[in-house]
Amino acid sequence: MSDQQDTQEQAETSQDKLANNSSLLQSIMLNSFALGSFALICTIIIALTYINTADNIKQQKKLAQLKALYQIVPKNLHDNDLLTDNINLQVKQLGHRQAQTIYLAKQHGQPTVIVYPVTTTDGYSGDISYIIGININDNSIAGVRVVSHQETPGLGDKIELRKSPWILSFNDLSLENTQAEDWTVKKNGGKFDGFTGATITPRSVTHSIARTLNYHQLFIDQLLKKITIANQQKVSNG
């Protein structure tokens, strides 16, 4: 009888252990599922936040570009629709990673200023994006405006017109009236002022502007033809 009781007790103990193990396994599985679900939800939230933020940043940059566009080419200096007379192109020489809009200002049907969006990757803290208007008649600069950057506040951000008039120093300059060696900051033998404690930023912008002027001289005729063809296609497509 005692042996039977021992056997029964052992069986019950084994069953209890199995039950406990099963309960523990279920608990682990539930916890794992909960953690996995939480991680998935967090990932989805982060992804949606990134998408919404990226779209918002892109929209804000576009608005800043349009505002800067009309500063360079005020409405009283052109009689065409800049949002129509343009072409989307990806130009690696201008730092484009994807197609960007190049605008053409006209008066009485004649091209007067072409406006390029440009990005230089040589900034101190990353990309610096700006637009530059170049006069068609003499290849001189109509104006430059920075539209986005991550340069150091109080130092490199003086490339913004609202922080400093420095960007206006490029107005009316061209490759014809400014020597090649002058297209850098004074610290490196050029003609443009640097910023105290932030030489990299103004030097990057200055070098990029010189490269853009060179690109303009080489390809302006081709660009004007492309814009004309693009506008004709827009008209034919209604």
C-alpha atoms as a PDB file:
ATOM      1  CA  MET A   1       0.000   0.000   0.000  1.00  0.00           C
ATOM      2  CA  SER A   2       2.828   2.349   0.881  1.00  0.00           C
ATOM      3  CA  ASP A   3       4.497   1.657  -2.460  1.00  0.00           C
ATOM      4  CA  GLN A   4       1.273   2.485  -4.286  1.00  0.00           C
ATOM      5  CA  GLN A   5       0.987   5.752  -2.355  1.00  0.00           C
ATOM      6  CA  ASP A   6       4.582   6.658  -3.199  1.00  0.00           C
ATOM      7  CA  THR A   7       3.975   5.893  -6.865  1.00  0.00           C
ATOM      8  CA  GLN A   8       0.801   7.951  -6.834  1.00  0.00           C
ATOM      9  CA  GLU A   9       2.545  10.849  -5.100  1.00  0.00           C
ATOM     10  CA  GLN A  10       5.382  10.711  -7.630  1.00  0.00           C
ATOM     11  CA  ALA A  11       2.889  10.719 -10.486  1.00  0.00           C
ATOM     12  CA  GLU A  12       1.045  13.669  -8.985  1.00  0.00           C
ATOM     13  CA  THR A  13       4.355  15.484  -8.465  1.00  0.00           C
ATOM     14  CA  SER A  14       5.294  14.872 -12.100  1.00  0.00           C
ATOM     15  CA  GLN A  15       1.918  16.129 -13.231  1.00  0.00           C
ATOM     16  CA  ASP A  16       2.322  19.209 -11.069  1.00  0.00           C
ATOM     17  CA  LYS A  17       5.763  19.843 -12.581  1.00  0.00           C
ATOM     18  CA  LEU A  18       4.384  19.408 -16.092  1.00  0.00           C
ATOM     19  CA  ALA A  19       1.538  21.756 -15.279  1.00  0.00           C
ATOM     20  CA  ASN A  20       3.958  24.299 -13.845  1.00  0.00           C
ATOM     21  CA  ASN A  21       6.277  23.966 -16.844  1.00  0.00           C
ATOM     22  CA  SER A  22       3.339  24.338 -19.207  1.00  0.00           C
ATOM     23  CA  SER A  23       2.154  27.402 -17.319  1.00  0.00           C
ATOM     24  CA  LEU A  24       5.672  28.864 -17.392  1.00  0.00           C
ATOM     25  CA  LEU A  25       5.967  28.177 -21.118  1.00  0.00           C
ATOM     26  CA  GLN A  26       2.621  29.842 -21.767  1.00  0.00           C
ATOM     27  CA  SER A  27       3.701  32.810 -19.669  1.00  0.00           C
ATOM     28  CA  ILE A  28       6.956  33.104 -21.625  1.00  0.00           C
ATOM     29  CA  MET A  29       5.102  32.841 -24.926  1.00  0.00           C
ATOM     30  CA  LEU A  30       2.566  35.471 -23.865  1.00  0.00           C
ATOM     31  CA  ASN A  31       5.320  37.811 -22.692  1.00  0.00           C
ATOM     32  CA  SER A  32       7.255  37.249 -25.909  1.00  0.00           C
ATOM     33  CA  PHE A  33       4.133  37.931 -27.960  1.00  0.00           C
ATOM     34  CA  ALA A  34       3.426  41.076 -25.954  1.00  0.00           C
ATOM     35  CA  LEU A  35       7.003  42.317 -26.376  1.00  0.00           C
ATOM     36  CA  GLY A  36       6.962  41.470 -30.071  1.00  0.00           C
ATOM     37  CA  SER A  37       3.650  43.268 -30.553  1.00  0.00           C
ATOM     38  CA  PHE A  38       4.933  46.283 -28.643  1.00  0.00           C
ATOM     39  CA  ALA A  39       8.094  46.377 -30.760  1.00  0.00           C
ATOM     40  CA  LEU A  40       6.031  46.095 -33.947  1.00  0.00           C
ATOM     41  CA  ILE A  41       3.714  48.901 -32.874  1.00  0.00           C
ATOM     42  CA  CYS A  42       6.699  51.098 -31.963  1.00  0.00           C
ATOM     43  CA  THR A  43       8.300  50.374 -35.345  1.00  0.00           C
ATOM     44  CA  ILE A  44       5.090  51.305 -37.169  1.00  0.00           C
ATOM     45  CA  ILE A  45       4.739  54.526 -35.162  1.00  0.00           C
ATOM     46  CA  ILE A  46       8.363  55.480 -35.847  1.00  0.00           C
ATOM     47  CA  ALA A  47       7.956  54.717 -39.560  1.00  0.00           C
ATOM     48  CA  LEU A  48       4.755  56.772 -39.829  1.00  0.00           C
ATOM     49  CA  THR A  49       6.343  59.639 -37.907  1.00  0.00           C
ATOM     50  CA  TYR A  50       9.356  59.563 -40.237  1.00  0.00           C
ATOM     51  CA  ILE A  51       7.147  59.559 -43.332  1.00  0.00           C
ATOM     52  CA  ASN A  52       5.013  62.434 -42.069  1.00  0.00           C
ATOM     53  CA  THR A  53       8.062  64.387 -40.909  1.00  0.00           C
ATOM     54  CA  ALA A  54       9.927  63.781 -44.179  1.00  0.00           C
ATOM     55  CA  ASP A  55       6.920  64.982 -46.187  1.00  0.00           C
ATOM     56  CA  ASN A  56       6.591  68.053 -43.981  1.00  0.00           C
ATOM     57  CA  ILE A  57      10.300  68.874 -44.276  1.00  0.00           C
ATOM     58  CA  LYS A  58      10.106  68.485 -48.048  1.00  0.00           C
ATOM     59  CA  GLN A  59       7.071  70.781 -48.196  1.00  0.00           C
ATOM     60  CA  GLN A  60       8.706  73.401 -45.962  1.00  0.00           C
ATOM     61  CA  LYS A  61      11.840  73.333 -48.114  1.00  0.00           C
ATOM     62  CA  LYS A  62       9.708  73.809 -51.237  1.00  0.00           C
ATOM     63  CA  LEU A  63       7.930  76.804 -49.695  1.00  0.00           C
ATOM     64  CA  ALA A  64      11.258  78.312 -48.633  1.00  0.00           C
ATOM     65  CA  GLN A  65      12.559  77.834 -52.166  1.00  0.00           C
ATOM     66  CA  LEU A  66       9.548  79.580 -53.718  1.00  0.00           C
ATOM     67  CA  LYS A  67       9.873  82.474 -51.268  1.00  0.00           C
ATOM     68  CA  ALA A  68      13.558  82.808 -52.133  1.00  0.00           C
ATOM     69  CA  LEU A  69      12.744  82.514 -55.837  1.00  0.00           C
ATOM     70  CA  TYR A  70      10.601  85.658 -55.783  1.00  0.00           C
ATOM     71  CA  GLN A  71      13.275  87.494 -53.794  1.00  0.00           C
ATOM     72  CA  ILE A  72      15.787  86.832 -56.558  1.00  0.00           C
ATOM     73  CA  VAL A  73      13.315  87.499 -59.377  1.00  0.00           C
ATOM     74  CA  PRO A  74      10.610  89.846 -58.024  1.00  0.00           C
ATOM     75  CA  LYS A  75       7.302  89.827 -59.847  1.00  0.00           C
ATOM     76  CA  ASN A  76       7.966  93.291 -61.298  1.00  0.00           C
ATOM     77  CA  LEU A  77      11.070  91.936 -63.076  1.00  0.00           C
ATOM     78  CA  HIS A  78       9.340  89.182 -65.045  1.00  0.00           C
ATOM     79  CA  ASP A  79       6.006  88.840 -66.801  1.00  0.00           C
ATOM     80  CA  ASN A  80       5.792  85.057 -67.161  1.00  0.00           C
ATOM     81  CA  ASP A  81       4.624  82.349 -64.780  1.00  0.00           C
ATOM     82  CA  LEU A  82       7.733  80.891 -63.140  1.00  0.00           C
ATOM     83  CA  LEU A  83       5.728  77.877 -61.998  1.00  0.00           C
ATOM     84  CA  THR A  84       5.077  77.074 -65.660  1.00  0.00           C
ATOM     85  CA  ASP A  85       8.322  78.124 -67.334  1.00  0.00           C
ATOM     86  CA  ASN A  86      10.536  75.527 -65.727  1.00  0.00           C
ATOM     87  CA  ILE A  87      11.910  72.050 -66.130  1.00  0.00           C
ATOM     88  CA  ASN A  88      12.627  69.209 -63.734  1.00  0.00           C
ATOM     89  CA  LEU A  89      16.140  67.855 -64.181  1.00  0.00           C
ATOM     90  CA  GLN A  90      18.651  65.908 -62.129  1.00  0.00           C
ATOM     91  CA  VAL A  91      21.992  67.649 -62.567  1.00  0.00           C
ATOM     92  CA  LYS A  92      24.819  65.932 -60.720  1.00  0.00           C
ATOM     93  CA  GLN A  93      27.102  68.938 -61.207  1.00  0.00           C
ATOM     94  CA  LEU A  94      24.648  70.938 -59.089  1.00  0.00           C
ATOM     95  CA  GLY A  95      24.550  68.347 -56.328  1.00  0.00           C
ATOM     96  CA  HIS A  96      21.135  66.936 -57.215  1.00  0.00           C
ATOM     97  CA  ARG A  97      20.302  63.479 -55.851  1.00  0.00           C
ATOM     98  CA  GLN A  98      16.974  63.596 -57.628  1.00  0.00           C
ATOM     99  CA  ALA A  99      15.219  65.801 -60.157  1.00  0.00           C
ATOM    100  CA  GLN A 100      14.993  69.473 -59.152  1.00  0.00           C
ATOM    101  CA  THR A 101      13.070  72.366 -60.694  1.00  0.00           C
ATOM    102  CA  ILE A 102      15.051  74.890 -62.746  1.00  0.00           C
ATOM    103  CA  TYR A 103      13.083  78.114 -63.320  1.00  0.00           C
ATOM    104  CA  LEU A 104      13.242  80.565 -66.217  1.00  0.00           C
ATOM    105  CA  ALA A 105      12.191  84.213 -65.884  1.00  0.00           C
ATOM    106  CA  LYS A 106      11.128  86.112 -69.004  1.00  0.00           C
ATOM    107  CA  GLN A 107      10.124  89.608 -70.039  1.00  0.00           C
ATOM    108  CA  HIS A 108       8.219  90.157 -73.267  1.00  0.00           C
ATOM    109  CA  GLY A 109       8.935  86.556 -74.205  1.00  0.00           C
ATOM    110  CA  GLN A 110      12.700  86.871 -73.831  1.00  0.00           C
ATOM    111  CA  PRO A 111      14.633  84.846 -71.202  1.00  0.00           C
ATOM    112  CA  THR A 112      16.146  87.138 -68.576  1.00  0.00           C
ATOM    113  CA  VAL A 113      17.138  85.048 -65.560  1.00  0.00           C
ATOM    114  CA  ILE A 114      17.530  81.324 -64.993  1.00  0.00           C
ATOM    115  CA  VAL A 115      17.297  80.056 -61.421  1.00  0.00           C
ATOM    116  CA  TYR A 116      19.123  76.900 -60.384  1.00  0.00           C
ATOM    117  CA  PRO A 117      18.575  74.911 -57.187  1.00  0.00           C
ATOM    118  CA  VAL A 118      21.985  73.779 -55.914  1.00  0.00           C
ATOM    119  CA  THR A 119      23.218  71.580 -53.069  1.00  0.00           C
ATOM    120  CA  THR A 120      26.778  71.488 -51.804  1.00  0.00           C
ATOM    121  CA  THR A 121      27.781  68.577 -49.598  1.00  0.00           C
ATOM    122  CA  ASP A 122      30.883  70.342 -48.277  1.00  0.00           C
ATOM    123  CA  GLY A 123      29.238  72.222 -45.430  1.00  0.00           C
ATOM    124  CA  TYR A 124      30.592  71.889 -41.908  1.00  0.00           C
ATOM    125  CA  SER A 125      27.462  70.064 -40.715  1.00  0.00           C
ATOM    126  CA  GLY A 126      26.212  68.536 -43.955  1.00  0.00           C
ATOM    127  CA  ASP A 127      24.304  69.658 -47.031  1.00  0.00           C
ATOM    128  CA  ILE A 128      23.709  73.313 -47.813  1.00  0.00           C
ATOM    129  CA  SER A 129      20.932  73.932 -50.340  1.00  0.00           C
ATOM    130  CA  TYR A 130      20.440  77.258 -52.087  1.00  0.00           C
ATOM    131  CA  ILE A 131      19.040  78.752 -55.246  1.00  0.00           C
ATOM    132  CA  ILE A 132      21.008  81.034 -57.539  1.00  0.00           C
ATOM    133  CA  GLY A 133      19.661  83.290 -60.262  1.00  0.00           C
ATOM    134  CA  ILE A 134      21.945  84.024 -63.205  1.00  0.00           C
ATOM    135  CA  ASN A 135      21.285  86.769 -65.734  1.00  0.00           C
ATOM    136  CA  ILE A 136      21.048  85.419 -69.261  1.00  0.00           C
ATOM    137  CA  ASN A 137      22.486  88.521 -70.964  1.00  0.00           C
ATOM    138  CA  ASP A 138      25.864  88.644 -69.187  1.00  0.00           C
ATOM    139  CA  ASN A 139      26.054  85.472 -67.040  1.00  0.00           C
ATOM    140  CA  SER A 140      26.237  87.543 -63.848  1.00  0.00           C
ATOM    141  CA  ILE A 141      24.568  86.599 -60.584  1.00  0.00           C
ATOM    142  CA  ALA A 142      21.094  88.059 -60.041  1.00  0.00           C
ATOM    143  CA  GLY A 143      20.976  86.752 -56.491  1.00  0.00           C
ATOM    144  CA  VAL A 144      21.607  83.830 -54.158  1.00  0.00           C
ATOM    145  CA  ARG A 145      19.455  82.601 -51.276  1.00  0.00           C
ATOM    146  CA  VAL A 146      20.089  79.693 -48.921  1.00  0.00           C
ATOM    147  CA  VAL A 147      16.957  77.575 -48.425  1.00  0.00           C
ATOM    148  CA  SER A 148      18.179  74.865 -46.029  1.00  0.00           C
ATOM    149  CA  HIS A 149      21.261  73.956 -44.017  1.00  0.00           C
ATOM    150  CA  GLN A 150      22.407  72.509 -40.689  1.00  0.00           C
ATOM    151  CA  GLU A 151      25.311  74.830 -40.001  1.00  0.00           C
ATOM    152  CA  THR A 152      26.195  75.948 -36.479  1.00  0.00           C
ATOM    153  CA  PRO A 153      23.832  78.627 -35.092  1.00  0.00           C
ATOM    154  CA  GLY A 154      25.628  81.904 -34.509  1.00  0.00           C
ATOM    155  CA  LEU A 155      28.547  80.862 -36.722  1.00  0.00           C
ATOM    156  CA  GLY A 156      27.850  79.127 -40.024  1.00  0.00           C
ATOM    157  CA  ASP A 157      24.233  80.267 -40.224  1.00  0.00           C
ATOM    158  CA  LYS A 158      25.403  83.694 -41.399  1.00  0.00           C
ATOM    159  CA  ILE A 159      24.902  82.341 -44.912  1.00  0.00           C
ATOM    160  CA  GLU A 160      21.211  83.153 -44.306  1.00  0.00           C
ATOM    161  CA  LEU A 161      20.177  86.642 -45.386  1.00  0.00           C
ATOM    162  CA  ARG A 162      18.151  87.131 -42.205  1.00  0.00           C
ATOM    163  CA  LYS A 163      21.313  86.576 -40.165  1.00  0.00           C
ATOM    164  CA  SER A 164      23.833  88.460 -42.303  1.00  0.00           C
ATOM    165  CA  PRO A 165      24.076  90.367 -45.628  1.00  0.00           C
ATOM    166  CA  TRP A 166      27.045  88.163 -46.606  1.00  0.00           C
ATOM    167  CA  ILE A 167      25.116  86.291 -49.315  1.00  0.00           C
ATOM    168  CA  LEU A 168      24.490  89.610 -51.121  1.00  0.00           C
ATOM    169  CA  SER A 169      28.214  89.940 -51.839  1.00  0.00           C
ATOM    170  CA  PHE A 170      27.744  87.623 -54.844  1.00  0.00           C
ATOM    171  CA  ASN A 171      25.282  89.922 -56.612  1.00  0.00           C
ATOM    172  CA  ASP A 172      26.402  91.043 -60.096  1.00  0.00           C
ATOM    173  CA  LEU A 173      29.536  88.879 -60.042  1.00  0.00           C
ATOM    174  CA  SER A 174      30.449  86.526 -62.879  1.00  0.00           C
ATOM    175  CA  LEU A 175      33.358  84.453 -64.114  1.00  0.00           C
ATOM    176  CA  GLU A 176      34.157  87.333 -66.467  1.00  0.00           C
ATOM    177  CA  ASN A 177      34.497  90.053 -63.827  1.00  0.00           C
ATOM    178  CA  THR A 178      35.937  87.901 -61.035  1.00  0.00           C
ATOM    179  CA  GLN A 179      39.202  85.986 -61.374  1.00  0.00           C
ATOM    180  CA  ALA A 180      39.229  82.229 -60.736  1.00  0.00           C
ATOM    181  CA  GLU A 181      41.548  82.572 -57.731  1.00  0.00           C
ATOM    182  CA  ASP A 182      39.156  85.063 -56.118  1.00  0.00           C
ATOM    183  CA  TRP A 183      36.361  82.505 -55.753  1.00  0.00           C
ATOM    184  CA  THR A 184      37.201  81.541 -52.190  1.00  0.00           C
ATOM    185  CA  VAL A 185      37.397  83.186 -48.773  1.00  0.00           C
ATOM    186  CA  LYS A 186      40.035  85.794 -47.915  1.00  0.00           C
ATOM    187  CA  LYS A 187      41.741  83.360 -45.545  1.00  0.00           C
ATOM    188  CA  ASN A 188      42.594  81.246 -48.593  1.00  0.00           C
ATOM    189  CA  GLY A 189      43.565  84.169 -50.819  1.00  0.00           C
ATOM    190  CA  GLY A 190      40.127  84.949 -52.236  1.00  0.00           C
ATOM    191  CA  LYS A 191      37.918  88.040 -52.121  1.00  0.00           C
ATOM    192  CA  PHE A 192      35.030  86.820 -49.973  1.00  0.00           C
ATOM    193  CA  ASP A 193      34.755  87.349 -46.234  1.00  0.00           C
ATOM    194  CA  GLY A 194      34.833  84.313 -43.998  1.00  0.00           C
ATOM    195  CA  PHE A 195      33.022  83.904 -40.696  1.00  0.00           C
ATOM    196  CA  THR A 196      34.838  84.025 -37.384  1.00  0.00           C
ATOM    197  CA  GLY A 197      35.094  80.426 -36.210  1.00  0.00           C
ATOM    198  CA  ALA A 198      33.363  79.060 -39.303  1.00  0.00           C
ATOM    199  CA  THR A 199      35.563  79.214 -42.385  1.00  0.00           C
ATOM    200  CA  ILE A 200      34.328  75.936 -43.887  1.00  0.00           C
ATOM    201  CA  THR A 201      30.748  77.123 -44.413  1.00  0.00           C
ATOM    202  CA  PRO A 202      31.359  80.287 -46.490  1.00  0.00           C
ATOM    203  CA  ARG A 203      34.177  78.599 -48.402  1.00  0.00           C
ATOM    204  CA  SER A 204      31.876  75.711 -49.323  1.00  0.00           C
ATOM    205  CA  VAL A 205      29.159  78.040 -50.599  1.00  0.00           C
ATOM    206  CA  THR A 206      31.643  80.217 -52.509  1.00  0.00           C
ATOM    207  CA  HIS A 207      33.257  77.262 -54.262  1.00  0.00           C
ATOM    208  CA  SER A 208      29.841  75.825 -55.114  1.00  0.00           C
ATOM    209  CA  ILE A 209      28.651  79.110 -56.619  1.00  0.00           C
ATOM    210  CA  ALA A 210      31.752  79.263 -58.823  1.00  0.00           C
ATOM    211  CA  ARG A 211      31.090  75.696 -60.011  1.00  0.00           C
ATOM    212  CA  THR A 212      27.483  76.617 -60.776  1.00  0.00           C
ATOM    213  CA  LEU A 213      28.560  79.620 -62.857  1.00  0.00           C
ATOM    214  CA  ASN A 214      30.873  77.359 -64.811  1.00  0.00           C
ATOM    215  CA  TYR A 215      28.082  74.821 -65.380  1.00  0.00           C
ATOM    216  CA  HIS A 216      25.777  77.630 -66.508  1.00  0.00           C
ATOM    217  CA  GLN A 217      28.212  78.892 -69.126  1.00  0.00           C
ATOM    218  CA  LEU A 218      28.715  75.398 -70.511  1.00  0.00           C
ATOM    219  CA  PHE A 219      25.081  74.291 -70.664  1.00  0.00           C
ATOM    220  CA  ILE A 220      22.792  77.342 -70.729  1.00  0.00           C
ATOM    221  CA  ASP A 221      22.014  77.010 -74.451  1.00  0.00           C
ATOM    222  CA  GLN A 222      21.028  73.356 -74.013  1.00  0.00           C
ATOM    223  CA  LEU A 223      18.906  74.184 -70.974  1.00  0.00           C
ATOM    224  CA  LEU A 224      17.007  76.943 -72.767  1.00  0.00           C
ATOM    225  CA  LYS A 225      16.178  74.526 -75.588  1.00  0.00           C
ATOM    226  CA  LYS A 226      15.043  71.860 -73.108  1.00  0.00           C
ATOM    227  CA  ILE A 227      12.808  74.324 -71.260  1.00  0.00           C
ATOM    228  CA  THR A 228      11.275  75.498 -74.548  1.00  0.00           C
ATOM    229  CA  ILE A 229      10.535  71.912 -75.585  1.00  0.00           C
ATOM    230  CA  ALA A 230       9.135  71.082 -72.135  1.00  0.00           C
ATOM    231  CA  ASN A 231       6.803  74.093 -72.265  1.00  0.00           C
ATOM    232  CA  GLN A 232       5.601  73.150 -75.744  1.00  0.00           C
ATOM    233  CA  GLN A 233       4.810  69.658 -74.483  1.00  0.00           C
ATOM    234  CA  LYS A 234       2.891  71.112 -71.529  1.00  0.00           C
ATOM    235  CA  VAL A 235       0.795  73.197 -73.914  1.00  0.00           C
ATOM    236  CA  SER A 236       0.130  70.276 -76.269  1.00  0.00           C
ATOM    237  CA  ASN A 237      -0.861  68.068 -73.335  1.00  0.00           C
ATOM    238  CA  GLY A 238      -3.310  70.671 -72.168  1.00  0.00           C
END
